[in-house]
Amino acid sequence: MMDLTTALQKFSEFEHKLYAYSYAMGVMSYDSETAAPEHSAEGRGEALGMLSEQVYQLTAGAETGELLDVLQTHQSELSVQQAAQLRVWKKDYDMNCKIPAQEYIEYAKLINKAGAVWRKAKNENDFSAFAPYIEQIVKTQKKFAGYFAPDKDPYDAWLDEYEPGMTRAQLDTFFANLRSRIVPMVQRIQRSENQIDISWLHQQWPLAGQQQLAKELMELMGLNNGRCALGETEHPFTTGFSRDDVRITTHYYLEDFTFSLFSVIHEGGHALYELNTAPRLQRTCLAGGASMGIHESQSRFYENLIGRSREFCGVIWPIICKCFPEQTKDVSEETFWRTINRVEPSLIRTEADELTYCLHIMVRYELEKKLFAGEIEVDQLPEAWNSMMKEYLGITVPDDTHGVLQDTHWAMGSFGYFPSYALGSAYSAQMIANMRSDIDVDSLVAQGNLEPITNWLTEKIHQFGKEQLPAQLLQNSCGSAFDSSYYTDYLEKKYTEIYKLTDTDKS
């Protein structure tokens, strides 16, 4: 058996090789979403397929297994960082190796076909065409969970892939709090006489002004254009290749500048996380966010807690007026603040306001856990979806295209992913509450000085990448375990003020 020094050297070479593959595949994927010509998919797909095969052979090969076993026997001699690297790769390796190769190949084919079927089913409002694929995906995922996590509830096993350590029991408590406090809040707002007029938004917002606004937003957030680039795409996202190469994207709608405004802030929050991981973690498996929920907490922190605050409006509104002088000449900062914080229950998750967004996630979570527990059949999903949308949001769903078929996640096999969106929002509220005891957040934001805020997050969260688990990072930044009451308290306080709610609204 090789000694520890040799094993660590081979492990470093292994990670550097994977970094190179990942970088190449990432750039190809980013290019496909932002600049590649329409007919480039076939050639790119062939190249990505060959690279993916190399990555799979490298990560699931017997030689890698032997290397990880050697490191495991010397675990007490490893540094904190090395132990974390071993933890991440061992989990990934065990999952890859315990699923029979042929079954994994068949599953990959199923997912590939499911995506095409879902798109057609959504366009044609035909849930019955897609239903067999959901059924087969869930069946396969339950089987796979039995391979790599036989001692866990199958849904818990998949939750752990996106949010390590999270369980259905914890989520049940979290969503019960949302259901008991936020659903009544939404109903009170719908009954309120203090509704928000957003008619001033219904005009044309020139592209040049939106591009200038995006540039100034990035500067305000401290996104160095030597390390962070902005591109255009249909659906905004962030890709981090290294701490010196992070790409964010946005989409410009001429009829609504606020979409790009908040997508830049949201993706900028993701980018700051990637840009501020410790240099020592670069080219290792730890150079990225600890989990989907922790990553989402950073984007939601900047988008909602900072970006939609009164203080930030005071900073950004003069810039908006400069970019769009004609469109804003009769609009006040107060009107803008109320507009971007309006509550308007909607059919589509990605268009949801800050208050109702997590209720969309709750619908999906409830359905996912019932599917995995065998408490609901696939053909019952549309009816259950529509019922929950009516109960939680007061929305009548007209068809499956705007209901159960609206998201692609299930076609991708991403069961257990949705809860991370809601967890991110809740984590961020707990983080800022603790941050306020260290720095004067509101005063800094009002001055347009976000650097101390980003520095605080870097010290508590960003620098660690995946080295620490989500629960450890929450303890670092919040001084306590996850507590969703911070989130519900924040939402109740904010929207009571905005809509001037009184006790009479509770009836």
Protein backbone atom coordinates (compact mmCIF):
# COMPACT_ATOMS: atom_id res chain seq x y z
CA MET A 1 0.00 0.00 0.00
CA MET A 2 1.29 3.46 -0.91
CA ASP A 3 2.38 5.82 1.85
CA LEU A 4 0.48 9.01 2.76
CA THR A 5 2.90 11.38 1.02
CA THR A 6 2.54 9.51 -2.27
CA ALA A 7 -1.22 9.28 -1.87
CA LEU A 8 -1.55 13.02 -1.29
CA GLN A 9 0.60 13.75 -4.36
CA LYS A 10 -1.57 11.47 -6.53
CA PHE A 11 -4.70 13.00 -5.03
CA SER A 12 -3.49 16.49 -5.96
CA GLU A 13 -2.79 15.35 -9.53
CA PHE A 14 -6.27 13.75 -9.66
CA GLU A 15 -7.97 16.99 -8.62
CA HIS A 16 -5.93 19.15 -10.98
CA LYS A 17 -6.86 16.92 -13.90
CA LEU A 18 -10.54 17.07 -12.97
CA TYR A 19 -10.28 20.84 -12.63
CA ALA A 20 -9.06 21.06 -16.22
CA TYR A 21 -11.90 18.88 -17.49
CA SER A 22 -14.44 20.83 -15.48
CA TYR A 23 -13.14 24.17 -16.74
CA ALA A 24 -13.31 23.03 -20.37
CA MET A 25 -16.80 21.59 -20.02
CA GLY A 26 -17.98 24.64 -18.10
CA VAL A 27 -16.80 27.07 -20.76
CA MET A 28 -18.51 24.99 -23.45
CA SER A 29 -21.74 24.96 -21.48
CA TYR A 30 -21.58 28.72 -20.79
CA ASP A 31 -20.89 29.38 -24.46
CA SER A 32 -23.90 27.28 -25.48
CA GLU A 33 -26.18 29.50 -23.39
CA THR A 34 -24.73 32.87 -24.35
CA ALA A 35 -22.95 33.02 -27.71
CA ALA A 36 -22.92 29.73 -29.61
CA PRO A 37 -24.72 29.61 -32.99
CA GLU A 38 -28.04 27.79 -33.21
CA HIS A 39 -26.74 24.71 -35.00
CA SER A 40 -23.69 24.11 -32.81
CA ALA A 41 -25.35 21.62 -30.44
CA GLU A 42 -24.39 18.41 -32.22
CA GLY A 43 -20.65 19.04 -32.35
CA ARG A 44 -20.56 20.42 -28.82
CA GLY A 45 -22.60 17.47 -27.57
CA GLU A 46 -20.12 15.01 -29.05
CA ALA A 47 -17.19 16.80 -27.41
CA LEU A 48 -18.97 17.06 -24.06
CA GLY A 49 -19.89 13.39 -24.24
CA MET A 50 -16.26 12.35 -24.67
CA LEU A 51 -15.09 14.63 -21.87
CA SER A 52 -17.88 13.39 -19.58
CA GLU A 53 -16.83 9.80 -20.20
CA GLN A 54 -13.26 10.66 -19.22
CA VAL A 55 -14.47 12.36 -16.04
CA TYR A 56 -16.64 9.37 -15.11
CA GLN A 57 -13.79 6.91 -15.64
CA LEU A 58 -11.50 9.11 -13.56
CA THR A 59 -13.92 9.64 -10.66
CA ALA A 60 -15.36 6.11 -10.53
CA GLY A 61 -12.26 4.10 -11.48
CA ALA A 62 -10.72 1.41 -9.30
CA GLU A 63 -7.47 3.39 -8.98
CA THR A 64 -9.36 6.33 -7.49
CA GLY A 65 -11.14 3.99 -5.08
CA GLU A 66 -7.82 2.60 -3.89
CA LEU A 67 -6.43 6.11 -3.48
CA LEU A 68 -9.41 7.20 -1.37
CA ASP A 69 -9.09 4.04 0.74
CA VAL A 70 -5.44 4.88 1.50
CA LEU A 71 -6.40 8.39 2.56
CA GLN A 72 -9.22 6.97 4.67
CA THR A 73 -6.78 4.80 6.63
CA HIS A 74 -4.69 7.92 7.36
CA GLN A 75 -7.66 10.17 8.16
CA SER A 76 -6.33 11.16 11.59
CA GLU A 77 -3.19 12.52 9.93
CA LEU A 78 -5.02 14.73 7.41
CA SER A 79 -5.43 18.48 7.76
CA VAL A 80 -8.91 19.96 8.09
CA GLN A 81 -8.88 20.84 4.39
CA GLN A 82 -7.61 17.42 3.30
CA ALA A 83 -10.24 15.67 5.43
CA ALA A 84 -12.94 17.80 3.81
CA GLN A 85 -11.64 16.97 0.32
CA LEU A 86 -11.73 13.28 1.21
CA ARG A 87 -15.29 13.63 2.55
CA VAL A 88 -16.55 15.22 -0.67
CA TRP A 89 -14.83 12.79 -3.03
CA LYS A 90 -15.64 9.69 -0.96
CA LYS A 91 -19.34 10.56 -1.02
CA ASP A 92 -19.24 11.13 -4.77
CA TYR A 93 -17.22 7.98 -5.44
CA ASP A 94 -19.44 5.77 -3.30
CA MET A 95 -22.54 7.03 -5.10
CA ASN A 96 -21.01 6.43 -8.55
CA CYS A 97 -19.68 2.98 -7.72
CA LYS A 98 -22.68 1.59 -5.92
CA ILE A 99 -25.06 2.31 -8.79
CA PRO A 100 -24.55 -0.41 -11.44
CA ALA A 101 -23.06 1.14 -14.58
CA GLN A 102 -25.70 -0.23 -16.95
CA GLU A 103 -28.52 1.04 -14.76
CA TYR A 104 -26.90 4.48 -14.63
CA ILE A 105 -26.58 4.53 -18.42
CA GLU A 106 -30.26 3.63 -18.80
CA TYR A 107 -31.18 6.36 -16.33
CA ALA A 108 -29.13 8.92 -18.29
CA LYS A 109 -31.04 7.94 -21.42
CA LEU A 110 -34.33 8.27 -19.53
CA ILE A 111 -33.45 11.80 -18.36
CA ASN A 112 -32.35 12.82 -21.84
CA LYS A 113 -35.65 11.66 -23.30
CA ALA A 114 -37.71 13.06 -20.43
CA GLY A 115 -36.48 16.58 -21.17
CA ALA A 116 -37.73 16.47 -24.74
CA VAL A 117 -41.05 14.91 -23.71
CA TRP A 118 -41.53 17.52 -20.98
CA ARG A 119 -40.99 20.43 -23.39
CA LYS A 120 -43.55 19.00 -25.82
CA ALA A 121 -46.01 18.18 -23.02
CA LYS A 122 -45.73 21.70 -21.61
CA ASN A 123 -46.29 23.30 -25.00
CA GLU A 124 -49.30 21.09 -25.67
CA ASN A 125 -50.73 21.11 -22.12
CA ASP A 126 -50.53 17.31 -22.07
CA PHE A 127 -49.54 16.05 -18.62
CA SER A 128 -50.49 12.46 -19.50
CA ALA A 129 -47.62 12.33 -22.03
CA PHE A 130 -45.07 13.26 -19.37
CA ALA A 131 -46.53 11.33 -16.42
CA PRO A 132 -44.88 7.96 -17.25
CA TYR A 133 -41.47 9.64 -17.18
CA ILE A 134 -42.03 11.11 -13.71
CA GLU A 135 -43.13 7.69 -12.53
CA GLN A 136 -40.04 5.99 -13.96
CA ILE A 137 -37.64 8.68 -12.69
CA VAL A 138 -38.99 8.46 -9.12
CA LYS A 139 -38.94 4.66 -9.22
CA THR A 140 -35.32 4.69 -10.42
CA GLN A 141 -34.22 7.28 -7.88
CA LYS A 142 -35.74 5.30 -5.02
CA LYS A 143 -33.86 2.24 -6.28
CA PHE A 144 -30.58 4.18 -6.57
CA ALA A 145 -31.01 5.57 -3.05
CA GLY A 146 -31.21 1.99 -1.85
CA TYR A 147 -27.82 1.36 -3.44
CA PHE A 148 -25.85 4.31 -2.10
CA ALA A 149 -27.77 5.15 1.11
CA PRO A 150 -29.57 1.98 2.22
CA ASP A 151 -30.00 3.21 5.79
CA LYS A 152 -31.74 6.45 4.78
CA ASP A 153 -35.24 7.37 3.76
CA PRO A 154 -34.96 7.60 -0.10
CA TYR A 155 -36.13 11.21 -0.21
CA ASP A 156 -33.71 12.14 2.58
CA ALA A 157 -30.91 10.57 0.50
CA TRP A 158 -31.66 12.90 -2.42
CA LEU A 159 -32.15 15.94 -0.18
CA ASP A 160 -28.65 15.27 1.13
CA GLU A 161 -27.23 15.55 -2.39
CA TYR A 162 -28.30 19.20 -2.60
CA GLU A 163 -28.28 20.20 1.08
CA PRO A 164 -25.94 17.92 3.06
CA GLY A 165 -27.43 17.04 6.43
CA MET A 166 -30.95 18.22 5.62
CA THR A 167 -33.85 15.83 6.28
CA ARG A 168 -37.55 15.67 5.57
CA ALA A 169 -38.24 16.01 9.30
CA GLN A 170 -36.40 19.36 9.41
CA LEU A 171 -38.14 20.57 6.27
CA ASP A 172 -41.55 19.60 7.63
CA THR A 173 -40.93 21.90 10.60
CA PHE A 174 -39.65 24.70 8.32
CA PHE A 175 -42.59 24.58 5.91
CA ALA A 176 -45.11 24.23 8.74
CA ASN A 177 -43.84 27.57 10.05
CA LEU A 178 -44.22 29.13 6.61
CA ARG A 179 -47.70 27.69 6.20
CA SER A 180 -48.93 28.96 9.57
CA ARG A 181 -47.50 32.48 9.26
CA ILE A 182 -47.04 33.41 5.60
CA VAL A 183 -50.25 32.01 4.10
CA PRO A 184 -52.41 34.18 6.45
CA MET A 185 -50.15 37.18 5.69
CA VAL A 186 -50.78 36.78 1.95
CA GLN A 187 -54.52 36.57 2.59
CA ARG A 188 -54.43 39.73 4.73
CA ILE A 189 -52.61 41.62 1.98
CA GLN A 190 -55.11 40.48 -0.63
CA ARG A 191 -57.91 41.90 1.55
CA SER A 192 -56.06 45.15 2.23
CA GLU A 193 -57.22 48.43 0.71
CA ASN A 194 -53.59 49.61 0.41
CA GLN A 195 -52.78 47.97 -2.90
CA ILE A 196 -49.77 49.13 -4.93
CA ASP A 197 -50.17 50.76 -8.33
CA ILE A 198 -47.38 49.68 -10.71
CA SER A 199 -48.81 51.17 -13.91
CA TRP A 200 -45.76 53.44 -14.26
CA LEU A 201 -43.68 50.36 -15.08
CA HIS A 202 -45.73 49.68 -18.20
CA GLN A 203 -43.56 51.54 -20.69
CA GLN A 204 -40.46 50.95 -22.79
CA TRP A 205 -37.08 50.81 -21.06
CA PRO A 206 -34.28 51.25 -23.63
CA LEU A 207 -31.64 48.55 -23.82
CA ALA A 208 -28.74 51.00 -23.52
CA GLY A 209 -30.11 52.29 -20.22
CA GLN A 210 -30.54 48.75 -18.87
CA GLN A 211 -26.99 47.83 -19.87
CA GLN A 212 -25.62 50.94 -18.17
CA LEU A 213 -27.64 50.16 -15.04
CA ALA A 214 -26.26 46.60 -14.98
CA LYS A 215 -22.70 47.93 -15.25
CA GLU A 216 -23.20 50.37 -12.36
CA LEU A 217 -24.86 47.69 -10.23
CA MET A 218 -21.84 45.44 -10.62
CA GLU A 219 -19.54 48.27 -9.61
CA LEU A 220 -21.72 49.02 -6.58
CA MET A 221 -21.56 45.37 -5.52
CA GLY A 222 -17.79 45.26 -5.90
CA LEU A 223 -17.84 42.81 -8.80
CA ASN A 224 -14.43 43.41 -10.36
CA ASN A 225 -14.73 43.28 -14.15
CA GLY A 226 -11.24 41.78 -14.31
CA ARG A 227 -12.58 38.67 -12.55
CA CYS A 228 -16.34 38.73 -13.21
CA ALA A 229 -18.01 39.06 -16.61
CA LEU A 230 -21.65 39.75 -17.51
CA GLY A 231 -23.31 37.99 -20.43
CA GLU A 232 -26.82 37.70 -21.84
CA THR A 233 -28.99 34.59 -21.86
CA GLU A 234 -32.63 33.57 -21.85
CA HIS A 235 -32.59 32.29 -18.26
CA PRO A 236 -30.01 34.04 -16.00
CA PHE A 237 -27.43 31.92 -14.18
CA THR A 238 -23.94 32.09 -12.67
CA THR A 239 -20.96 29.90 -13.50
CA GLY A 240 -17.76 29.92 -11.49
CA PHE A 241 -14.68 28.46 -13.21
CA SER A 242 -12.24 29.76 -10.59
CA ARG A 243 -12.08 32.62 -8.08
CA ASP A 244 -10.63 34.73 -10.90
CA ASP A 245 -13.15 33.74 -13.57
CA VAL A 246 -16.81 33.97 -12.65
CA ARG A 247 -19.52 34.62 -15.25
CA ILE A 248 -22.96 36.00 -14.48
CA THR A 249 -25.77 36.49 -16.98
CA THR A 250 -28.95 38.51 -17.28
CA HIS A 251 -31.84 39.00 -19.69
CA TYR A 252 -33.13 42.39 -20.79
CA TYR A 253 -36.87 42.90 -21.26
CA LEU A 254 -37.66 46.21 -22.92
CA GLU A 255 -41.03 46.33 -21.14
CA ASP A 256 -39.64 45.77 -17.61
CA PHE A 257 -36.20 46.92 -16.46
CA THR A 258 -36.65 45.42 -12.98
CA PHE A 259 -36.12 41.88 -14.28
CA SER A 260 -32.54 42.65 -15.29
CA LEU A 261 -32.04 44.85 -12.23
CA PHE A 262 -32.75 42.02 -9.81
CA SER A 263 -31.22 39.24 -11.89
CA VAL A 264 -27.89 41.13 -11.86
CA ILE A 265 -28.12 41.61 -8.08
CA HIS A 266 -29.18 37.98 -7.53
CA GLU A 267 -26.50 36.47 -9.77
CA GLY A 268 -24.04 38.99 -8.33
CA GLY A 269 -24.65 37.48 -4.90
CA HIS A 270 -23.77 34.05 -6.27
CA ALA A 271 -20.68 35.53 -7.91
CA LEU A 272 -19.40 37.14 -4.71
CA TYR A 273 -19.49 33.73 -3.04
CA GLU A 274 -17.39 32.18 -5.82
CA LEU A 275 -15.00 35.14 -6.02
CA ASN A 276 -14.27 35.12 -2.30
CA THR A 277 -13.48 31.48 -1.62
CA ALA A 278 -10.00 31.08 -0.10
CA PRO A 279 -7.13 30.84 -2.63
CA ARG A 280 -5.94 27.64 -0.93
CA LEU A 281 -9.12 25.87 -2.07
CA GLN A 282 -8.64 26.61 -5.76
CA ARG A 283 -8.40 23.63 -8.11
CA THR A 284 -9.88 21.37 -5.44
CA CYS A 285 -13.39 20.00 -4.98
CA LEU A 286 -13.89 22.53 -2.15
CA ALA A 287 -13.73 25.61 -4.41
CA GLY A 288 -17.45 26.34 -4.56
CA GLY A 289 -20.56 26.75 -2.45
CA ALA A 290 -21.17 24.42 0.49
CA SER A 291 -24.67 23.55 -0.74
CA MET A 292 -27.45 24.75 -3.00
CA GLY A 293 -29.19 26.36 -0.02
CA ILE A 294 -26.10 28.19 1.26
CA HIS A 295 -25.35 29.41 -2.26
CA GLU A 296 -28.92 30.58 -2.67
CA SER A 297 -28.70 32.37 0.67
CA GLN A 298 -26.06 34.66 -0.80
CA SER A 299 -28.05 35.53 -3.92
CA ARG A 300 -31.24 36.08 -1.91
CA PHE A 301 -29.32 38.12 0.66
CA TYR A 302 -28.26 40.66 -1.95
CA GLU A 303 -31.42 40.50 -4.06
CA ASN A 304 -33.99 40.84 -1.28
CA LEU A 305 -32.45 41.88 2.04
CA ILE A 306 -30.19 44.46 0.40
CA GLY A 307 -31.64 45.10 -3.05
CA ARG A 308 -35.26 45.61 -1.99
CA SER A 309 -34.47 47.58 1.18
CA ARG A 310 -35.42 51.24 1.64
CA GLU A 311 -31.77 52.12 2.15
CA PHE A 312 -30.64 50.54 -1.11
CA CYS A 313 -33.47 52.21 -3.00
CA GLY A 314 -32.04 55.53 -1.87
CA VAL A 315 -28.75 54.58 -3.52
CA ILE A 316 -30.01 52.92 -6.69
CA TRP A 317 -32.95 55.20 -7.57
CA PRO A 318 -30.74 58.17 -8.61
CA ILE A 319 -28.79 55.80 -10.87
CA ILE A 320 -32.03 54.49 -12.40
CA CYS A 321 -33.21 58.05 -12.99
CA LYS A 322 -29.90 58.83 -14.72
CA CYS A 323 -30.25 55.78 -16.98
CA PHE A 324 -33.93 56.44 -17.76
CA PRO A 325 -34.58 60.20 -17.35
CA GLU A 326 -37.80 60.32 -19.39
CA GLN A 327 -39.37 57.18 -17.91
CA THR A 328 -38.78 58.22 -14.27
CA LYS A 329 -39.38 61.99 -14.35
CA ASP A 330 -42.77 61.73 -12.59
CA VAL A 331 -41.92 58.80 -10.29
CA SER A 332 -40.74 59.06 -6.68
CA GLU A 333 -38.26 56.89 -4.81
CA GLU A 334 -41.08 55.85 -2.47
CA THR A 335 -43.16 54.66 -5.43
CA PHE A 336 -40.21 52.65 -6.71
CA TRP A 337 -39.63 51.05 -3.28
CA ARG A 338 -43.27 50.04 -2.95
CA THR A 339 -43.36 48.76 -6.54
CA ILE A 340 -40.43 46.38 -6.16
CA ASN A 341 -41.92 45.05 -2.90
CA ARG A 342 -45.48 44.55 -4.12
CA VAL A 343 -47.21 41.25 -3.33
CA GLU A 344 -49.06 39.72 -6.24
CA PRO A 345 -49.70 35.95 -6.07
CA SER A 346 -48.87 34.45 -9.44
CA LEU A 347 -49.00 31.16 -11.30
CA ILE A 348 -45.32 31.05 -12.20
CA ARG A 349 -42.60 30.46 -9.59
CA THR A 350 -39.90 32.44 -11.36
CA GLU A 351 -42.17 35.51 -11.49
CA ALA A 352 -43.15 35.33 -7.82
CA ASP A 353 -42.64 38.22 -5.39
CA GLU A 354 -40.48 37.92 -2.27
CA LEU A 355 -43.35 37.02 0.08
CA THR A 356 -45.07 34.34 -2.01
CA TYR A 357 -41.98 32.74 -3.59
CA CYS A 358 -41.44 30.16 -0.85
CA LEU A 359 -45.08 29.10 -1.02
CA HIS A 360 -44.40 27.95 -4.59
CA ILE A 361 -41.52 25.88 -3.24
CA MET A 362 -43.76 24.44 -0.52
CA VAL A 363 -46.19 23.12 -3.17
CA ARG A 364 -43.37 21.27 -4.91
CA TYR A 365 -41.89 19.94 -1.67
CA GLU A 366 -45.20 18.55 -0.46
CA LEU A 367 -45.74 16.76 -3.77
CA GLU A 368 -42.19 15.39 -3.96
CA LYS A 369 -42.22 13.88 -0.49
CA LYS A 370 -45.66 12.32 -1.11
CA LEU A 371 -44.43 10.77 -4.38
CA PHE A 372 -41.39 9.22 -2.70
CA ALA A 373 -43.48 7.99 0.23
CA GLY A 374 -46.06 6.42 -2.10
CA GLU A 375 -48.79 8.66 -0.67
CA ILE A 376 -49.80 10.02 -4.06
CA GLU A 377 -49.87 8.60 -7.59
CA VAL A 378 -48.31 10.47 -10.49
CA ASP A 379 -51.66 10.93 -12.25
CA GLN A 380 -52.94 12.72 -9.13
CA LEU A 381 -50.24 15.42 -9.32
CA PRO A 382 -52.18 18.01 -11.37
CA GLU A 383 -55.19 17.96 -9.06
CA ALA A 384 -53.01 18.08 -5.94
CA TRP A 385 -50.94 20.92 -7.43
CA ASN A 386 -54.01 22.98 -8.28
CA SER A 387 -55.52 22.41 -4.84
CA MET A 388 -52.38 23.58 -3.02
CA MET A 389 -51.99 26.65 -5.25
CA LYS A 390 -55.54 27.63 -4.35
CA GLU A 391 -55.00 26.96 -0.63
CA TYR A 392 -51.62 28.67 -0.25
CA LEU A 393 -51.76 31.44 -2.85
CA GLY A 394 -55.44 31.89 -3.65
CA ILE A 395 -54.64 31.16 -7.32
CA THR A 396 -56.84 29.20 -9.73
CA VAL A 397 -54.61 27.25 -12.14
CA PRO A 398 -56.08 27.38 -15.67
CA ASP A 399 -54.10 24.49 -17.17
CA ASP A 400 -51.16 22.17 -16.56
CA THR A 401 -48.84 24.26 -18.74
CA HIS A 402 -49.08 27.02 -16.13
CA GLY A 403 -49.26 24.51 -13.29
CA VAL A 404 -47.59 21.16 -12.72
CA LEU A 405 -45.68 21.28 -16.04
CA GLN A 406 -44.11 24.74 -15.60
CA ASP A 407 -40.71 23.65 -14.16
CA THR A 408 -38.08 21.49 -15.84
CA HIS A 409 -36.53 20.20 -12.57
CA TRP A 410 -38.50 16.93 -12.42
CA ALA A 411 -37.65 16.15 -16.04
CA MET A 412 -33.99 16.57 -15.07
CA GLY A 413 -34.42 14.18 -12.14
CA SER A 414 -33.77 16.99 -9.64
CA PHE A 415 -35.99 15.70 -6.84
CA GLY A 416 -34.87 17.21 -3.53
CA TYR A 417 -33.53 20.35 -5.24
CA PHE A 418 -36.52 22.69 -4.81
CA PRO A 419 -36.33 23.03 -0.99
CA SER A 420 -32.90 24.65 -1.30
CA TYR A 421 -34.53 27.71 -2.90
CA ALA A 422 -36.65 28.29 0.19
CA LEU A 423 -33.87 27.39 2.62
CA GLY A 424 -31.60 29.99 1.01
CA SER A 425 -34.10 32.77 1.69
CA ALA A 426 -34.52 31.65 5.29
CA TYR A 427 -30.78 31.25 5.90
CA SER A 428 -30.17 34.80 4.63
CA ALA A 429 -32.66 36.31 7.09
CA GLN A 430 -30.93 34.57 10.00
CA MET A 431 -27.51 35.70 8.74
CA ILE A 432 -28.43 39.37 8.48
CA ALA A 433 -29.98 39.33 11.95
CA ASN A 434 -26.64 38.19 13.36
CA MET A 435 -24.67 40.55 11.11
CA ARG A 436 -26.55 43.52 12.60
CA SER A 437 -24.95 42.83 15.98
CA ASP A 438 -21.49 43.31 14.42
CA ILE A 439 -21.96 46.11 11.87
CA ASP A 440 -24.50 48.85 11.10
CA VAL A 441 -25.97 47.24 8.01
CA ASP A 442 -28.63 49.84 7.25
CA SER A 443 -26.22 52.78 7.53
CA LEU A 444 -23.68 51.09 5.27
CA VAL A 445 -26.29 50.26 2.64
CA ALA A 446 -27.64 53.83 2.73
CA GLN A 447 -24.11 55.06 2.01
CA GLY A 448 -23.78 52.60 -0.90
CA ASN A 449 -20.87 50.97 0.96
CA LEU A 450 -21.44 47.23 0.61
CA GLU A 451 -17.81 46.21 1.12
CA PRO A 452 -18.01 45.67 4.92
CA ILE A 453 -21.13 43.54 4.38
CA THR A 454 -19.38 41.37 1.78
CA ASN A 455 -16.30 41.15 4.03
CA TRP A 456 -18.46 39.87 6.91
CA LEU A 457 -19.99 37.20 4.67
CA THR A 458 -16.56 36.27 3.34
CA GLU A 459 -15.19 35.83 6.85
CA LYS A 460 -18.13 33.72 7.99
CA ILE A 461 -19.09 31.84 4.81
CA HIS A 462 -17.44 32.56 1.46
CA GLN A 463 -13.84 31.72 2.30
CA PHE A 464 -14.67 28.17 3.40
CA GLY A 465 -16.20 26.95 0.14
CA LYS A 466 -17.26 23.33 0.70
CA GLU A 467 -14.76 22.82 3.50
CA GLN A 468 -17.50 23.21 6.09
CA LEU A 469 -20.96 21.68 5.97
CA PRO A 470 -24.07 23.94 5.90
CA ALA A 471 -24.79 23.41 9.59
CA GLN A 472 -21.24 24.51 10.49
CA LEU A 473 -21.50 27.62 8.34
CA LEU A 474 -24.81 28.58 9.93
CA GLN A 475 -23.24 28.17 13.36
CA ASN A 476 -20.32 30.39 12.20
CA SER A 477 -22.48 33.14 10.80
CA CYS A 478 -25.52 32.97 13.06
CA GLY A 479 -24.16 31.64 16.33
CA SER A 480 -26.91 29.02 16.40
CA ALA A 481 -28.56 26.24 14.43
CA PHE A 482 -31.06 26.95 11.66
CA ASP A 483 -34.14 28.77 12.94
CA SER A 484 -36.76 29.71 10.34
CA SER A 485 -38.52 32.16 12.67
CA TYR A 486 -35.94 34.80 11.66
CA TYR A 487 -37.31 34.56 8.13
CA THR A 488 -40.99 34.64 9.00
CA ASP A 489 -40.41 37.48 11.51
CA TYR A 490 -38.63 39.48 8.82
CA LEU A 491 -41.40 38.95 6.25
CA GLU A 492 -44.20 39.79 8.69
CA LYS A 493 -42.51 42.99 9.86
CA LYS A 494 -41.63 44.17 6.35
CA TYR A 495 -44.98 43.56 4.69
CA THR A 496 -47.03 44.81 7.62
CA GLU A 497 -45.23 48.13 7.13
CA ILE A 498 -45.48 48.21 3.34
CA TYR A 499 -49.21 47.40 3.27
CA LYS A 500 -50.00 49.27 6.51
CA LEU A 501 -51.73 46.22 7.90
CA THR A 502 -53.72 46.49 11.12
CA ASP A 503 -55.39 44.00 13.43
CA THR A 504 -58.65 44.45 11.50
CA ASP A 505 -56.99 42.89 8.45
CA LYS A 506 -56.77 39.59 10.34
CA SER A 507 -60.51 39.01 10.24
